[in-house]
C-alpha atoms as a PDB file:
ATOM      1  CA  UNK A   1     218.104 -59.276 -60.322  1.00  0.00           C
ATOM      2  CA  UNK A   2     217.951 -59.629 -64.092  1.00  0.00           C
ATOM      3  CA  UNK A   3     214.199 -60.582 -64.150  1.00  0.00           C
ATOM      4  CA  UNK A   4     213.422 -57.494 -62.035  1.00  0.00           C
ATOM      5  CA  UNK A   5     215.396 -55.275 -64.432  1.00  0.00           C
ATOM      6  CA  UNK A   6     213.611 -56.766 -67.442  1.00  0.00           C
ATOM      7  CA  UNK A   7     210.245 -56.193 -65.764  1.00  0.00           C
ATOM      8  CA  UNK A   8     211.116 -52.538 -65.084  1.00  0.00           C
ATOM      9  CA  UNK A   9     212.214 -52.020 -68.696  1.00  0.00           C
ATOM     10  CA  UNK A  10     208.987 -53.612 -69.925  1.00  0.00           C
ATOM     11  CA  UNK A  11     206.886 -51.360 -67.672  1.00  0.00           C
ATOM     12  CA  UNK A  12     208.786 -48.302 -68.896  1.00  0.00           C
ATOM     13  CA  UNK A  13     208.197 -49.326 -72.501  1.00  0.00           C
ATOM     14  CA  UNK A  14     204.493 -49.787 -71.899  1.00  0.00           C
ATOM     15  CA  UNK A  15     204.272 -46.398 -70.232  1.00  0.00           C
ATOM     16  CA  UNK A  16     205.968 -44.613 -73.129  1.00  0.00           C
ATOM     17  CA  UNK A  17     203.642 -46.319 -75.608  1.00  0.00           C
ATOM     18  CA  UNK A  18     200.506 -45.140 -73.829  1.00  0.00           C
ATOM     19  CA  UNK A  19     198.303 -42.727 -75.746  1.00  0.00           C
ATOM     20  CA  UNK A  20     198.467 -39.098 -74.613  1.00  0.00           C
ATOM     21  CA  UNK A  21     195.253 -37.069 -74.642  1.00  0.00           C
ATOM     22  CA  UNK A  22     194.571 -33.381 -74.166  1.00  0.00           C
ATOM     23  CA  UNK A  23     191.821 -30.846 -74.719  1.00  0.00           C
ATOM     24  CA  UNK A  24     191.940 -27.974 -77.211  1.00  0.00           C
ATOM     25  CA  UNK A  25     189.564 -25.080 -77.827  1.00  0.00           C
ATOM     26  CA  UNK A  26     189.102 -25.484 -81.587  1.00  0.00           C
ATOM     27  CA  UNK A  27     187.240 -23.464 -84.191  1.00  0.00           C
ATOM     28  CA  UNK A  28     186.385 -24.758 -87.664  1.00  0.00           C
ATOM     29  CA  UNK A  29     186.077 -23.215 -91.119  1.00  0.00           C
ATOM     30  CA  UNK A  30     185.135 -25.160 -94.252  1.00  0.00           C
ATOM     31  CA  UNK A  31     186.812 -23.712 -97.316  1.00  0.00           C
ATOM     32  CA  UNK A  32     184.859 -26.051 -99.601  1.00  0.00           C
ATOM     33  CA  UNK A  33     182.417 -28.861 -98.846  1.00  0.00           C
ATOM     34  CA  UNK A  34     183.342 -32.445 -99.584  1.00  0.00           C
ATOM     35  CA  UNK A  35     180.771 -34.014-101.885  1.00  0.00           C
ATOM     36  CA  UNK A  36     177.651 -34.941 -99.890  1.00  0.00           C
ATOM     37  CA  UNK A  37     179.215 -34.137 -96.518  1.00  0.00           C
ATOM     38  CA  UNK A  38     178.238 -30.796 -94.973  1.00  0.00           C
ATOM     39  CA  UNK A  39     178.094 -32.113 -91.403  1.00  0.00           C
ATOM     40  CA  UNK A  40     180.922 -33.718 -89.437  1.00  0.00           C
ATOM     41  CA  UNK A  41     181.422 -34.902 -85.850  1.00  0.00           C
ATOM     42  CA  UNK A  42     184.404 -34.253 -83.580  1.00  0.00           C
ATOM     43  CA  UNK A  43     185.298 -36.047 -80.323  1.00  0.00           C
ATOM     44  CA  UNK A  44     184.669 -34.090 -77.134  1.00  0.00           C
ATOM     45  CA  UNK A  45     185.418 -36.980 -74.759  1.00  0.00           C
ATOM     46  CA  UNK A  46     185.629 -40.734 -74.613  1.00  0.00           C
ATOM     47  CA  UNK A  47     182.759 -41.980 -76.815  1.00  0.00           C
ATOM     48  CA  UNK A  48     181.272 -38.454 -76.999  1.00  0.00           C
ATOM     49  CA  UNK A  49     180.951 -36.474 -80.232  1.00  0.00           C
ATOM     50  CA  UNK A  50     179.811 -32.985 -81.209  1.00  0.00           C
ATOM     51  CA  UNK A  51     177.975 -32.384 -84.474  1.00  0.00           C
ATOM     52  CA  UNK A  52     179.238 -29.494 -86.620  1.00  0.00           C
ATOM     53  CA  UNK A  53     177.050 -28.057 -89.379  1.00  0.00           C
ATOM     54  CA  UNK A  54     179.914 -26.761 -91.497  1.00  0.00           C
ATOM     55  CA  UNK A  55     179.939 -23.283 -92.978  1.00  0.00           C
ATOM     56  CA  UNK A  56     181.886 -21.742 -95.867  1.00  0.00           C
ATOM     57  CA  UNK A  57     180.948 -18.266 -94.616  1.00  0.00           C
ATOM     58  CA  UNK A  58     181.863 -18.275 -90.917  1.00  0.00           C
ATOM     59  CA  UNK A  59     184.038 -19.976 -88.331  1.00  0.00           C
ATOM     60  CA  UNK A  60     182.267 -22.363 -85.952  1.00  0.00           C
ATOM     61  CA  UNK A  61     183.187 -22.666 -82.309  1.00  0.00           C
ATOM     62  CA  UNK A  62     184.977 -22.732 -80.091  1.00  0.00           C
ATOM     63  CA  UNK A  63     184.493 -26.419 -79.289  1.00  0.00           C
ATOM     64  CA  UNK A  64     186.404 -28.217 -76.538  1.00  0.00           C
ATOM     65  CA  UNK A  65     187.716 -31.200 -78.491  1.00  0.00           C
ATOM     66  CA  UNK A  66     189.680 -34.275 -77.461  1.00  0.00           C
ATOM     67  CA  UNK A  67     193.109 -34.588 -79.090  1.00  0.00           C
ATOM     68  CA  UNK A  68     195.012 -37.886 -79.047  1.00  0.00           C
ATOM     69  CA  UNK A  69     198.777 -37.871 -79.630  1.00  0.00           C
ATOM     70  CA  UNK A  70     198.475 -34.431 -81.220  1.00  0.00           C
ATOM     71  CA  UNK A  71     195.800 -35.529 -83.706  1.00  0.00           C
ATOM     72  CA  UNK A  72     192.147 -34.473 -83.842  1.00  0.00           C
ATOM     73  CA  UNK A  73     189.986 -37.016 -85.654  1.00  0.00           C
ATOM     74  CA  UNK A  74     187.040 -36.055 -87.867  1.00  0.00           C
ATOM     75  CA  UNK A  75     184.005 -38.328 -88.125  1.00  0.00           C
ATOM     76  CA  UNK A  76     180.740 -39.019 -89.928  1.00  0.00           C
ATOM     77  CA  UNK A  77     177.605 -40.465 -88.313  1.00  0.00           C
ATOM     78  CA  UNK A  78     175.838 -43.643 -89.387  1.00  0.00           C
ATOM     79  CA  UNK A  79     173.578 -46.211 -87.767  1.00  0.00           C
ATOM     80  CA  UNK A  80     174.517 -49.873 -87.746  1.00  0.00           C
ATOM     81  CA  UNK A  81     172.108 -52.609 -88.850  1.00  0.00           C
ATOM     82  CA  UNK A  82     171.258 -53.018 -85.181  1.00  0.00           C
ATOM     83  CA  UNK A  83     170.304 -49.336 -84.935  1.00  0.00           C
ATOM     84  CA  UNK A  84     173.387 -48.407 -82.900  1.00  0.00           C
ATOM     85  CA  UNK A  85     175.202 -45.089 -83.549  1.00  0.00           C
ATOM     86  CA  UNK A  86     178.586 -45.340 -85.253  1.00  0.00           C
ATOM     87  CA  UNK A  87     181.136 -42.628 -86.034  1.00  0.00           C
ATOM     88  CA  UNK A  88     183.466 -43.720 -88.861  1.00  0.00           C
ATOM     89  CA  UNK A  89     186.582 -41.610 -89.247  1.00  0.00           C
ATOM     90  CA  UNK A  90     186.675 -39.428 -92.372  1.00  0.00           C
ATOM     91  CA  UNK A  91     189.808 -37.374 -91.747  1.00  0.00           C
ATOM     92  CA  UNK A  92     192.364 -36.055 -89.274  1.00  0.00           C
ATOM     93  CA  UNK A  93     193.846 -32.713 -88.249  1.00  0.00           C
ATOM     94  CA  UNK A  94     197.353 -32.512 -86.768  1.00  0.00           C
ATOM     95  CA  UNK A  95     196.920 -29.861 -84.089  1.00  0.00           C
ATOM     96  CA  UNK A  96     199.943 -31.030 -82.018  1.00  0.00           C
ATOM     97  CA  UNK A  97     200.019 -29.022 -78.763  1.00  0.00           C
ATOM     98  CA  UNK A  98     198.158 -25.948 -80.091  1.00  0.00           C
ATOM     99  CA  UNK A  99     195.553 -24.868 -77.535  1.00  0.00           C
ATOM    100  CA  UNK A 100     193.477 -22.599 -79.827  1.00  0.00           C
ATOM    101  CA  UNK A 101     193.623 -24.118 -83.314  1.00  0.00           C
ATOM    102  CA  UNK A 102     191.591 -22.967 -86.284  1.00  0.00           C
ATOM    103  CA  UNK A 103     190.940 -26.069 -88.404  1.00  0.00           C
ATOM    104  CA  UNK A 104     190.512 -25.098 -92.070  1.00  0.00           C
ATOM    105  CA  UNK A 105     188.772 -28.001 -93.826  1.00  0.00           C
ATOM    106  CA  UNK A 106     189.372 -28.905 -97.465  1.00  0.00           C
ATOM    107  CA  UNK A 107     187.909 -31.746 -99.559  1.00  0.00           C
ATOM    108  CA  UNK A 108     190.182 -34.761 -99.709  1.00  0.00           C
ATOM    109  CA  UNK A 109     191.845 -35.646-102.997  1.00  0.00           C
ATOM    110  CA  UNK A 110     190.459 -38.448-105.144  1.00  0.00           C
ATOM    111  CA  UNK A 111     193.509 -40.551-104.273  1.00  0.00           C
ATOM    112  CA  UNK A 112     192.958 -40.079-100.527  1.00  0.00           C
ATOM    113  CA  UNK A 113     190.727 -42.175 -98.262  1.00  0.00           C
ATOM    114  CA  UNK A 114     190.029 -39.050 -96.154  1.00  0.00           C
ATOM    115  CA  UNK A 115     186.893 -37.091 -97.077  1.00  0.00           C
ATOM    116  CA  UNK A 116     188.393 -33.957 -95.515  1.00  0.00           C
ATOM    117  CA  UNK A 117     191.951 -32.677 -95.264  1.00  0.00           C
ATOM    118  CA  UNK A 118     192.964 -29.742 -93.105  1.00  0.00           C
ATOM    119  CA  UNK A 119     195.325 -26.868 -92.463  1.00  0.00           C
ATOM    120  CA  UNK A 120     195.888 -25.580 -88.935  1.00  0.00           C
ATOM    121  CA  UNK A 121     196.259 -21.973 -87.789  1.00  0.00           C
ATOM    122  CA  UNK A 122     197.378 -21.186 -84.237  1.00  0.00           C
ATOM    123  CA  UNK A 123     194.963 -18.457 -83.086  1.00  0.00           C
ATOM    124  CA  UNK A 124     196.780 -17.689 -79.835  1.00  0.00           C
ATOM    125  CA  UNK A 125     197.743 -14.043 -79.305  1.00  0.00           C
ATOM    126  CA  UNK A 126     201.444 -14.911 -79.385  1.00  0.00           C
ATOM    127  CA  UNK A 127     201.262 -16.578 -82.814  1.00  0.00           C
ATOM    128  CA  UNK A 128     198.448 -14.460 -84.292  1.00  0.00           C
ATOM    129  CA  UNK A 129     198.634 -11.013 -82.678  1.00  0.00           C
ATOM    130  CA  UNK A 130     196.376  -8.052 -83.363  1.00  0.00           C
ATOM    131  CA  UNK A 131     197.285  -6.214 -86.554  1.00  0.00           C
ATOM    132  CA  UNK A 132     198.657  -9.315 -88.281  1.00  0.00           C
ATOM    133  CA  UNK A 133     197.537 -11.303 -91.315  1.00  0.00           C
ATOM    134  CA  UNK A 134     197.519 -15.088 -91.664  1.00  0.00           C
ATOM    135  CA  UNK A 135     197.995 -15.970 -95.332  1.00  0.00           C
ATOM    136  CA  UNK A 136     197.109 -19.477 -96.556  1.00  0.00           C
ATOM    137  CA  UNK A 137     198.369 -20.569 -99.963  1.00  0.00           C
ATOM    138  CA  UNK A 138     195.999 -23.251-101.270  1.00  0.00           C
ATOM    139  CA  UNK A 139     197.374 -23.045-104.808  1.00  0.00           C
ATOM    140  CA  UNK A 140     200.165 -24.962-106.534  1.00  0.00           C
ATOM    141  CA  UNK A 141     201.961 -21.673-107.275  1.00  0.00           C
ATOM    142  CA  UNK A 142     204.473 -19.479-105.514  1.00  0.00           C
ATOM    143  CA  UNK A 143     202.900 -16.204-104.408  1.00  0.00           C
ATOM    144  CA  UNK A 144     204.501 -12.893-103.557  1.00  0.00           C
ATOM    145  CA  UNK A 145     202.903  -9.768-102.126  1.00  0.00           C
ATOM    146  CA  UNK A 146     203.610  -6.225-101.020  1.00  0.00           C
ATOM    147  CA  UNK A 147     201.384  -4.811 -98.278  1.00  0.00           C
ATOM    148  CA  UNK A 148     202.493  -1.273 -97.625  1.00  0.00           C
ATOM    149  CA  UNK A 149     206.221  -1.760 -97.010  1.00  0.00           C
ATOM    150  CA  UNK A 150     205.826  -5.368 -95.821  1.00  0.00           C
ATOM    151  CA  UNK A 151     206.762  -8.150 -98.231  1.00  0.00           C
ATOM    152  CA  UNK A 152     205.372 -11.692 -98.330  1.00  0.00           C
ATOM    153  CA  UNK A 153     206.768 -14.794-100.058  1.00  0.00           C
ATOM    154  CA  UNK A 154     204.602 -17.923 -99.951  1.00  0.00           C
ATOM    155  CA  UNK A 155     205.128 -21.464-101.232  1.00  0.00           C
ATOM    156  CA  UNK A 156     202.298 -23.875-102.177  1.00  0.00           C
ATOM    157  CA  UNK A 157     200.430 -25.247 -99.147  1.00  0.00           C
ATOM    158  CA  UNK A 158     202.095 -22.915 -96.648  1.00  0.00           C
ATOM    159  CA  UNK A 159     200.655 -20.725 -93.881  1.00  0.00           C
ATOM    160  CA  UNK A 160     202.469 -17.435 -93.262  1.00  0.00           C
ATOM    161  CA  UNK A 161     201.947 -14.692 -90.693  1.00  0.00           C
ATOM    162  CA  UNK A 162     202.850 -11.096 -91.549  1.00  0.00           C
ATOM    163  CA  UNK A 163     202.298  -7.834 -89.707  1.00  0.00           C
ATOM    164  CA  UNK A 164     202.191  -4.608 -91.753  1.00  0.00           C
ATOM    165  CA  UNK A 165     204.091  -1.734 -90.162  1.00  0.00           C
ATOM    166  CA  UNK A 166     202.007   1.198 -91.425  1.00  0.00           C
ATOM    167  CA  UNK A 167     200.474   3.516 -88.781  1.00  0.00           C
ATOM    168  CA  UNK A 168     196.804   3.024 -87.899  1.00  0.00           C
ATOM    169  CA  UNK A 169     194.453   4.332 -90.568  1.00  0.00           C
ATOM    170  CA  UNK A 170     197.133   4.861 -93.211  1.00  0.00           C
ATOM    171  CA  UNK A 171     196.183   3.638 -96.692  1.00  0.00           C
ATOM    172  CA  UNK A 172     198.554   0.958 -97.964  1.00  0.00           C
ATOM    173  CA  UNK A 173     199.170  -0.128-101.553  1.00  0.00           C
ATOM    174  CA  UNK A 174     198.524  -3.885-101.778  1.00  0.00           C
ATOM    175  CA  UNK A 175     199.873  -6.085-104.580  1.00  0.00           C
ATOM    176  CA  UNK A 176     199.537  -9.881-104.906  1.00  0.00           C
ATOM    177  CA  UNK A 177     201.107 -11.926-107.721  1.00  0.00           C
ATOM    178  CA  UNK A 178     201.465 -15.653-108.470  1.00  0.00           C
ATOM    179  CA  UNK A 179     204.020 -17.471-110.594  1.00  0.00           C
ATOM    180  CA  UNK A 180     203.081 -19.464-113.701  1.00  0.00           C
ATOM    181  CA  UNK A 181     205.753 -20.887-116.040  1.00  0.00           C
ATOM    182  CA  UNK A 182     208.437 -18.637-114.514  1.00  0.00           C
ATOM    183  CA  UNK A 183     206.321 -15.524-115.084  1.00  0.00           C
ATOM    184  CA  UNK A 184     204.479 -13.478-112.448  1.00  0.00           C
ATOM    185  CA  UNK A 185     200.768 -12.834-112.981  1.00  0.00           C
ATOM    186  CA  UNK A 186     198.658 -10.300-111.106  1.00  0.00           C
ATOM    187  CA  UNK A 187     196.144 -11.564-108.529  1.00  0.00           C
ATOM    188  CA  UNK A 188     194.992  -8.248-107.121  1.00  0.00           C
ATOM    189  CA  UNK A 189     196.044  -4.628-106.832  1.00  0.00           C
ATOM    190  CA  UNK A 190     194.191  -2.469-104.323  1.00  0.00           C
ATOM    191  CA  UNK A 191     194.533  -0.300-101.220  1.00  0.00           C
ATOM    192  CA  UNK A 192     193.873  -1.247 -97.603  1.00  0.00           C
ATOM    193  CA  UNK A 193     193.648   0.860 -94.481  1.00  0.00           C
ATOM    194  CA  UNK A 194     196.092  -0.242 -91.794  1.00  0.00           C
ATOM    195  CA  UNK A 195     194.165  -1.757 -88.854  1.00  0.00           C
ATOM    196  CA  UNK A 196     196.486  -2.663 -85.945  1.00  0.00           C
ATOM    197  CA  UNK A 197     193.362  -3.440 -83.884  1.00  0.00           C
ATOM    198  CA  UNK A 198     192.210  -6.318 -86.140  1.00  0.00           C
ATOM    199  CA  UNK A 199     193.395  -9.705 -87.342  1.00  0.00           C
ATOM    200  CA  UNK A 200     192.849 -11.022 -90.865  1.00  0.00           C
ATOM    201  CA  UNK A 201     192.930 -14.453 -92.525  1.00  0.00           C
ATOM    202  CA  UNK A 202     193.393 -14.614 -96.296  1.00  0.00           C
ATOM    203  CA  UNK A 203     193.276 -17.702 -98.533  1.00  0.00           C
ATOM    204  CA  UNK A 204     194.672 -17.892-102.054  1.00  0.00           C
ATOM    205  CA  UNK A 205     193.016 -20.557-104.195  1.00  0.00           C
ATOM    206  CA  UNK A 206     192.468 -21.578-107.814  1.00  0.00           C
ATOM    207  CA  UNK A 207     189.048 -20.729-109.222  1.00  0.00           C
ATOM    208  CA  UNK A 208     188.063 -23.744-111.370  1.00  0.00           C
ATOM    209  CA  UNK A 209     185.893 -21.538-113.586  1.00  0.00           C
ATOM    210  CA  UNK A 210     188.857 -19.737-115.159  1.00  0.00           C
ATOM    211  CA  UNK A 211     191.834 -21.543-113.539  1.00  0.00           C
ATOM    212  CA  UNK A 212     193.141 -18.291-112.077  1.00  0.00           C
ATOM    213  CA  UNK A 213     194.471 -17.663-108.580  1.00  0.00           C
ATOM    214  CA  UNK A 214     192.094 -15.619-106.446  1.00  0.00           C
ATOM    215  CA  UNK A 215     191.688 -14.639-102.805  1.00  0.00           C
ATOM    216  CA  UNK A 216     189.083 -15.166-100.128  1.00  0.00           C
ATOM    217  CA  UNK A 217     188.915 -13.639 -96.674  1.00  0.00           C
ATOM    218  CA  UNK A 218     187.861 -15.755 -93.675  1.00  0.00           C
ATOM    219  CA  UNK A 219     185.842 -13.576 -91.255  1.00  0.00           C
ATOM    220  CA  UNK A 220     187.569 -13.456 -87.864  1.00  0.00           C
ATOM    221  CA  UNK A 221     184.351 -14.087 -85.987  1.00  0.00           C
ATOM    222  CA  UNK A 222     182.955 -17.201 -84.385  1.00  0.00           C
ATOM    223  CA  UNK A 223     179.447 -18.649 -84.650  1.00  0.00           C
ATOM    224  CA  UNK A 224     178.527 -20.636 -81.496  1.00  0.00           C
ATOM    225  CA  UNK A 225     177.902 -24.348 -81.889  1.00  0.00           C
ATOM    226  CA  UNK A 226     174.692 -25.841 -80.477  1.00  0.00           C
ATOM    227  CA  UNK A 227     175.643 -28.239 -77.706  1.00  0.00           C
END
């Protein structure tokens, strides 16, 4: 009886260690190119890859990608000495069980072996409804904002979703500030019209030209990928 029990336990252990795979409908946006790498490849099946000509202006996709254990791998393309295609891994994106992820690509740090890092935004209607704003803080500073009567507090590296409450068409006062040495500096002060029928993605980043925090909007439109 004991050998049978041990065999069952071993089989259960092997089953739990098996790799889980799933498909996700992913879109991609490159915030900044990694040096010498404007194209990447993503897995669409076992030993199948899709080329992506990255863009800093538009989102690419959607692409039906293969996700293993919640991780999407990013690849380059090279030919071996024998002329065979090879796809070395150059980064990963932790999409977990998100079905409609937006993968925001960032150059890897000099200390990292990954050419690209990533941030993930869940673009499903439940997590990113119409009228809401996804705010990505790519700076090393705390950021605070007032959009109409809606307040935002953001820590470095975080992704926050907010939904202004102003009626459609109403002009809202918009203030963004970032903290430096315990003092708050202005990023922008403007006015926006409330648009409950649209979604927006905003990125805060440091401009290396003057070392100040600035903002960039990611257009919420998709450019199809050539299959």
